[in-house]
Amino acid sequence: MYLSKGVEVILSAIISNLIAQLLKFIAYYIVNKQISIQRLFQTGGMPSSHSAFMMGMAISTGLINGFNSVTFAIAITITLVVMYDAAGLRRAVGKQAAVLNQIVTEIFSEHPHLSSQRFKELLGHTPIEVLAGALLGSIIAIIIHWF
């Protein structure tokens, strides 16, 4: 089956993202012995779906247009920014959310209606989660390009 170049790039990105989210869902089930449909749509965790999506797009672009092309240079540059953000800024925000949640719980422990709203803590990734996502996206892009 022949895919147009644009469709190949988009499919590489989307399939990489979907597989990363599915792996998180499976891992959650294995660890917690319960199904969490929400895990399919949450950020954070192993592997990074943002990194998988972006690296799938970048590697696919490189395979199609060449790794010495301007389009690949743009794609990999944007990918590296997203991956840095996932492991840096978004991870720091997640840690801050955890601290804020703890503070609110302790200060308003006698007023449950005030302490019931919680900040989302699982936002970013560890460098290993980002690397795993990047590796997954690269592999998926190569597989889709070969077939």
Protein backbone atom coordinates (compact mmCIF):
# COMPACT_ATOMS: atom_id res chain seq x y z
CA MET A 1 0.00 0.00 0.00
CA TYR A 2 1.34 3.41 -0.95
CA LEU A 3 0.90 6.36 1.41
CA SER A 4 1.45 9.93 0.38
CA LYS A 5 4.39 11.61 2.13
CA GLY A 6 2.16 13.83 4.24
CA VAL A 7 -0.06 10.95 5.32
CA GLU A 8 3.00 8.91 6.27
CA VAL A 9 4.28 11.71 8.52
CA ILE A 10 0.88 12.21 10.18
CA LEU A 11 0.32 8.47 10.65
CA SER A 12 3.77 8.04 12.18
CA ALA A 13 3.03 10.76 14.72
CA ILE A 14 -0.50 9.66 15.58
CA ILE A 15 0.24 5.94 15.79
CA SER A 16 3.29 6.65 17.98
CA ASN A 17 1.11 8.71 20.31
CA LEU A 18 -1.64 6.09 20.45
CA ILE A 19 0.79 3.26 21.19
CA ALA A 20 2.46 5.31 23.94
CA GLN A 21 -0.91 6.00 25.56
CA LEU A 22 -1.90 2.34 25.23
CA LEU A 23 1.36 1.28 26.91
CA LYS A 24 0.58 3.63 29.83
CA PHE A 25 -2.90 2.11 30.11
CA ILE A 26 -1.48 -1.43 30.14
CA ALA A 27 1.23 -0.51 32.66
CA TYR A 28 -1.37 1.06 34.96
CA TYR A 29 -3.46 -2.10 34.79
CA ILE A 30 -0.47 -4.35 35.53
CA VAL A 31 0.63 -2.26 38.52
CA ASN A 32 -2.79 -1.44 40.00
CA LYS A 33 -4.86 -4.44 38.83
CA GLN A 34 -7.66 -2.13 37.72
CA ILE A 35 -8.74 -0.58 34.45
CA SER A 36 -8.52 3.21 34.17
CA ILE A 37 -9.93 4.56 30.92
CA GLN A 38 -8.73 8.02 32.04
CA ARG A 39 -5.14 6.76 31.75
CA LEU A 40 -5.63 6.66 27.99
CA PHE A 41 -6.04 10.44 27.97
CA GLN A 42 -3.76 11.64 30.78
CA THR A 43 -0.37 13.28 30.40
CA GLY A 44 2.76 12.12 32.18
CA GLY A 45 4.07 8.61 32.73
CA MET A 46 6.08 6.06 30.80
CA PRO A 47 6.63 6.48 27.88
CA SER A 48 6.12 10.13 26.98
CA SER A 49 3.41 10.28 24.32
CA HIS A 50 4.42 13.85 23.47
CA SER A 51 7.96 12.69 22.73
CA ALA A 52 6.70 9.67 20.79
CA PHE A 53 4.37 11.85 18.70
CA MET A 54 7.01 14.46 17.92
CA MET A 55 9.86 12.04 17.26
CA GLY A 56 7.56 9.94 15.04
CA MET A 57 6.87 13.07 13.02
CA ALA A 58 10.53 14.15 12.88
CA ILE A 59 12.00 10.76 11.96
CA SER A 60 9.30 10.21 9.35
CA THR A 61 10.15 13.60 7.86
CA GLY A 62 13.83 12.66 7.82
CA LEU A 63 13.17 9.30 6.17
CA ILE A 64 11.09 10.93 3.44
CA ASN A 65 13.02 14.16 2.77
CA GLY A 66 16.46 13.16 4.00
CA PHE A 67 18.13 13.81 7.33
CA ASN A 68 20.08 16.65 5.73
CA SER A 69 16.95 18.54 4.60
CA VAL A 70 15.62 21.81 5.94
CA THR A 71 12.27 20.17 6.73
CA PHE A 72 13.97 17.58 8.94
CA ALA A 73 16.01 20.31 10.64
CA ILE A 74 12.81 22.21 11.47
CA ALA A 75 11.02 19.04 12.60
CA ILE A 76 13.82 17.86 14.90
CA THR A 77 14.31 21.35 16.36
CA ILE A 78 10.64 21.62 17.32
CA THR A 79 10.74 18.04 18.62
CA LEU A 80 13.67 18.80 20.90
CA VAL A 81 11.88 21.85 22.31
CA VAL A 82 8.79 19.76 23.10
CA MET A 83 10.90 17.02 24.69
CA TYR A 84 12.85 19.53 26.77
CA ASP A 85 9.59 21.11 27.89
CA ALA A 86 8.11 17.72 28.85
CA ALA A 87 11.10 16.83 31.04
CA GLY A 88 11.77 20.33 32.32
CA LEU A 89 9.01 22.87 32.68
CA ARG A 90 6.00 20.52 32.76
CA ARG A 91 7.73 18.22 35.23
CA ALA A 92 8.54 21.16 37.52
CA VAL A 93 4.91 22.31 37.36
CA GLY A 94 3.78 18.81 38.33
CA LYS A 95 6.10 18.83 41.36
CA GLN A 96 4.79 22.25 42.39
CA ALA A 97 1.22 20.99 42.06
CA ALA A 98 2.03 18.11 44.43
CA VAL A 99 3.39 20.53 47.03
CA LEU A 100 0.40 22.85 46.66
CA ASN A 101 -2.00 19.92 47.03
CA GLN A 102 -0.26 18.87 50.24
CA ILE A 103 -0.38 22.43 51.61
CA VAL A 104 -4.09 22.79 50.82
CA THR A 105 -4.83 19.41 52.41
CA GLU A 106 -2.99 20.30 55.59
CA ILE A 107 -4.30 23.87 55.94
CA PHE A 108 -7.91 23.07 55.13
CA SER A 109 -8.11 19.59 56.69
CA GLU A 110 -11.03 20.69 58.86
CA HIS A 111 -12.87 22.13 55.85
CA PRO A 112 -13.16 19.30 53.27
CA HIS A 113 -15.16 21.45 50.84
CA LEU A 114 -12.18 23.83 50.62
CA SER A 115 -9.55 21.12 50.22
CA SER A 116 -11.39 18.91 47.73
CA GLN A 117 -10.13 20.68 44.61
CA ARG A 118 -6.72 19.36 43.61
CA PHE A 119 -4.16 20.45 41.05
CA LYS A 120 -3.11 17.96 38.39
CA GLU A 121 0.24 16.48 39.45
CA LEU A 122 1.11 14.07 36.64
CA LEU A 123 2.07 16.59 33.97
CA GLY A 124 5.68 16.11 32.96
CA HIS A 125 8.16 13.31 32.48
CA THR A 126 11.45 12.05 33.75
CA PRO A 127 14.29 12.10 31.21
CA ILE A 128 13.96 8.29 30.88
CA GLU A 129 10.25 8.59 30.03
CA VAL A 130 11.08 11.21 27.39
CA LEU A 131 13.85 9.03 25.95
CA ALA A 132 11.55 6.00 25.86
CA GLY A 133 8.90 8.02 24.03
CA ALA A 134 11.47 9.29 21.54
CA LEU A 135 12.70 5.74 20.91
CA LEU A 136 9.14 4.48 20.47
CA GLY A 137 8.31 7.27 17.99
CA SER A 138 11.49 6.58 16.03
CA ILE A 139 10.76 2.86 15.77
CA ILE A 140 7.15 3.42 14.69
CA ALA A 141 8.23 5.94 12.02
CA ILE A 142 10.78 3.46 10.63
CA ILE A 143 8.25 0.61 10.60
CA ILE A 144 5.61 2.73 8.84
CA HIS A 145 8.19 3.95 6.30
CA TRP A 146 9.32 0.40 5.52
CA PHE A 147 5.81 -0.87 5.03
